[in-house]
C-alpha cells in the first residue's frame, strides 16, 4: 500500500495539484502570501520585494500561504509560520 500524496490548493486562484508547488508558488497565478520577518507586514505577490513597504528595511520575507487542509486550506495564511 503506497503513501497517499497531499493535494495542494492555491489560496488565491483555487488551482490544485498533487504534491507541493515548485518553490511554494502557484504555477497558475504565481501569487503567494509573504510576511516581513521584522515587522510582520503581509502582502500578496509573485515574489517578495527587496525592501518592506511598511518598515522600509531590507528584510527577509517568509512564504506564509496555507496550501493544505491542516492549516485551513485555500484563502488562509498558515498560522504556524
Protein backbone atom coordinates (compact mmCIF):
# COMPACT_ATOMS: atom_id res chain seq x y z
CA UNK A 1 0.00 0.00 0.00
CA UNK A 2 1.53 3.33 -1.07
CA UNK A 3 1.58 6.61 0.77
CA UNK A 4 -1.22 8.99 -0.24
CA UNK A 5 0.08 12.21 -1.80
CA UNK A 6 -1.13 15.54 -0.41
CA UNK A 7 -3.20 17.85 -2.59
CA UNK A 8 -2.12 21.49 -2.54
CA UNK A 9 -4.63 24.21 -3.37
CA UNK A 10 -3.71 27.82 -4.17
CA UNK A 11 -5.19 30.27 -1.67
CA UNK A 12 -5.62 32.88 -4.41
CA UNK A 13 -6.96 31.18 -7.51
CA UNK A 14 -8.03 27.73 -6.28
CA UNK A 15 -5.69 25.77 -8.57
CA UNK A 16 -4.95 22.34 -7.10
CA UNK A 17 -2.15 19.86 -7.68
CA UNK A 18 -0.91 16.62 -6.22
CA UNK A 19 2.07 17.46 -4.08
CA UNK A 20 3.84 20.67 -3.21
CA UNK A 21 4.05 23.54 -5.72
CA UNK A 22 7.57 24.11 -7.01
CA UNK A 23 9.10 26.83 -4.83
CA UNK A 24 5.74 27.03 -2.97
CA UNK A 25 4.45 29.31 -5.74
CA UNK A 26 1.21 28.52 -7.58
CA UNK A 27 2.03 27.64 -11.20
CA UNK A 28 -1.26 29.14 -12.41
CA UNK A 29 -1.46 32.61 -10.78
CA UNK A 30 2.13 32.89 -9.45
CA UNK A 31 0.90 34.57 -6.24
CA UNK A 32 1.62 33.78 -2.62
CA UNK A 33 1.36 35.43 0.82
CA UNK A 34 4.62 36.95 2.07
CA UNK A 35 5.28 38.15 5.64
CA UNK A 36 8.08 40.50 6.66
CA UNK A 37 10.34 38.82 9.23
CA UNK A 38 10.95 42.13 11.05
CA UNK A 39 7.60 43.92 11.31
CA UNK A 40 5.10 41.22 10.27
CA UNK A 41 3.75 43.17 7.26
CA UNK A 42 1.75 40.86 4.98
CA UNK A 43 1.46 41.19 1.20
CA UNK A 44 0.39 39.15 -1.80
CA UNK A 45 2.82 38.95 -4.71
CA UNK A 46 4.55 36.58 -7.08
CA UNK A 47 7.85 37.28 -5.31
CA UNK A 48 8.75 39.25 -2.19
CA UNK A 49 10.11 42.79 -2.54
CA UNK A 50 13.71 43.70 -1.68
CA UNK A 51 12.52 46.29 0.84
CA UNK A 52 9.50 46.07 3.13
CA UNK A 53 6.82 48.62 2.15
CA UNK A 54 5.93 49.17 5.81
CA UNK A 55 9.17 49.25 7.85
CA UNK A 56 11.35 50.29 4.86
CA UNK A 57 14.08 47.84 5.91
CA UNK A 58 15.75 45.26 3.71
CA UNK A 59 14.05 42.23 5.27
CA UNK A 60 13.66 38.55 4.70
CA UNK A 61 10.11 37.67 3.66
CA UNK A 62 8.63 34.30 4.59
CA UNK A 63 6.08 32.43 2.49
CA UNK A 64 3.07 32.04 4.83
CA UNK A 65 0.47 30.77 2.33
CA UNK A 66 -1.58 27.81 3.54
CA UNK A 67 -1.68 25.04 0.94
CA UNK A 68 -3.04 22.12 2.95
CA UNK A 69 -6.25 21.39 4.90
CA UNK A 70 -4.41 21.10 8.24
CA UNK A 71 -3.87 24.89 8.32
CA UNK A 72 -7.22 25.91 6.85
CA UNK A 73 -6.66 25.37 3.15
CA UNK A 74 -7.24 27.85 0.34
CA UNK A 75 -7.64 31.51 1.23
CA UNK A 76 -5.82 31.20 4.54
CA UNK A 77 -2.47 32.18 5.94
CA UNK A 78 -0.64 29.38 7.70
CA UNK A 79 -0.73 30.33 11.42
CA UNK A 80 2.26 28.09 12.13
CA UNK A 81 4.53 30.40 10.13
